[in-house]
Amino acid sequence: MSGMWSEWVLNDEGNVREEESNIKDANGTVLNDGDVVVVVKDLKVKGSSSVVKVDTKVKNIRLVEGDHNINCKIPGIGAMQLKSEFVKKA
C-alpha cells in the first residue's frame, strides 16, 4: 500500500482492524495524519538558501514511510518532507 503507513491486522474475533504506525515527535508523542506540529530546530532547505526557522507551525501533516516521514506544506516555502525528530506536536 503506497503512501500510507499502516497495516491490516486480525483481532481476536477475526475482524480486520487497521494498525497505526508509531511515528513519534522529538518529545516522544505519537503523531497522526492531520496533526499540527512546531519545528524545534532551524532546518536548511536542501537545494535552496531558505531556512525553516524554529517555532514554525506546520498544519495538516501527512505521515509517510521513509527516512523523512512527514509530508507537509510550510508557509512561505511550500511542499517538503521533514523528519519527525525535528518537530513537536502543538
Protein backbone atom coordinates (compact mmCIF):
# COMPACT_ATOMS: atom_id res chain seq x y z
CA MET A 1 0.00 0.00 0.00
CA SER A 2 1.80 3.10 -1.22
CA GLY A 3 1.69 6.40 0.69
CA MET A 4 0.05 5.00 3.80
CA TRP A 5 1.95 3.57 6.70
CA SER A 6 -0.41 1.21 8.37
CA GLU A 7 -1.18 -2.48 8.40
CA TRP A 8 -4.30 -4.59 8.34
CA VAL A 9 -4.37 -6.91 11.36
CA LEU A 10 -6.88 -9.52 12.52
CA ASN A 11 -8.03 -9.05 16.10
CA ASP A 12 -9.08 -11.89 18.46
CA GLU A 13 -12.59 -12.02 16.98
CA GLY A 14 -11.24 -12.45 13.43
CA ASN A 15 -12.24 -8.93 12.39
CA VAL A 16 -9.84 -6.78 10.41
CA ARG A 17 -8.60 -3.63 12.12
CA GLU A 18 -6.10 -1.06 10.91
CA GLU A 19 -2.94 -0.71 12.98
CA GLU A 20 -1.44 2.77 13.04
CA SER A 21 2.27 3.47 12.72
CA ASN A 22 4.12 4.74 15.76
CA ILE A 23 5.88 7.81 14.40
CA LYS A 24 6.91 9.97 17.36
CA ASP A 25 7.97 13.61 17.64
CA ALA A 26 11.06 14.97 19.41
CA ASN A 27 9.31 14.56 22.80
CA GLY A 28 8.12 11.01 22.16
CA THR A 29 4.48 11.94 21.48
CA VAL A 30 2.80 9.79 18.81
CA LEU A 31 1.93 11.76 15.66
CA ASN A 32 -1.13 11.24 13.45
CA ASP A 33 -2.18 12.44 9.98
CA GLY A 34 -3.64 15.95 10.19
CA ASP A 35 -1.76 16.99 13.34
CA VAL A 36 -0.26 20.44 13.82
CA VAL A 37 3.45 20.42 14.67
CA VAL A 38 6.10 23.02 15.50
CA VAL A 39 9.70 22.89 14.21
CA VAL A 40 12.21 22.62 17.10
CA LYS A 41 15.43 23.38 15.17
CA ASP A 42 16.44 25.66 12.29
CA LEU A 43 16.41 23.47 9.17
CA LYS A 44 18.19 24.29 5.92
CA VAL A 45 16.11 23.60 2.82
CA LYS A 46 18.10 21.33 0.52
CA GLY A 47 18.83 22.93 -2.85
CA SER A 48 17.86 26.40 -1.64
CA SER A 49 19.18 29.20 0.54
CA SER A 50 15.93 29.15 2.56
CA VAL A 51 15.76 28.10 6.20
CA VAL A 52 12.78 26.78 8.16
CA LYS A 53 13.05 28.66 11.46
CA VAL A 54 12.47 27.33 14.98
CA ASP A 55 8.83 27.66 16.13
CA THR A 56 7.45 27.50 12.56
CA LYS A 57 3.96 26.00 12.84
CA VAL A 58 3.11 23.33 10.27
CA LYS A 59 -0.56 22.36 9.89
CA ASN A 60 -2.17 19.23 8.50
CA ILE A 61 0.84 16.92 8.30
CA ARG A 62 0.74 13.60 6.48
CA LEU A 63 2.75 10.61 7.72
CA VAL A 64 4.61 8.56 5.13
CA GLU A 65 7.17 5.75 5.02
CA GLY A 66 10.86 6.54 4.74
CA ASP A 67 13.64 8.49 6.38
CA HIS A 68 11.76 11.79 6.10
CA ASN A 69 8.44 10.54 7.44
CA ILE A 70 6.32 13.74 7.35
CA ASN A 71 4.93 15.35 4.18
CA CYS A 72 3.72 18.92 4.69
CA LYS A 73 3.39 22.41 3.25
CA ILE A 74 5.35 25.10 5.06
CA PRO A 75 4.09 28.68 4.76
CA GLY A 76 6.42 30.75 2.57
CA ILE A 77 8.42 27.70 1.43
CA GLY A 78 5.99 25.15 0.01
CA ALA A 79 5.72 21.37 -0.01
CA MET A 80 8.51 19.46 1.66
CA GLN A 81 9.37 16.44 3.79
CA LEU A 82 10.56 16.57 7.40
CA LYS A 83 11.98 14.09 9.87
CA SER A 84 9.74 13.60 12.90
CA GLU A 85 12.71 14.08 15.25
CA PHE A 86 12.81 17.81 14.36
CA VAL A 87 9.19 18.61 15.25
CA LYS A 88 6.95 18.55 18.32
CA LYS A 89 3.19 18.22 18.46
CA ALA A 90 1.50 21.59 19.00
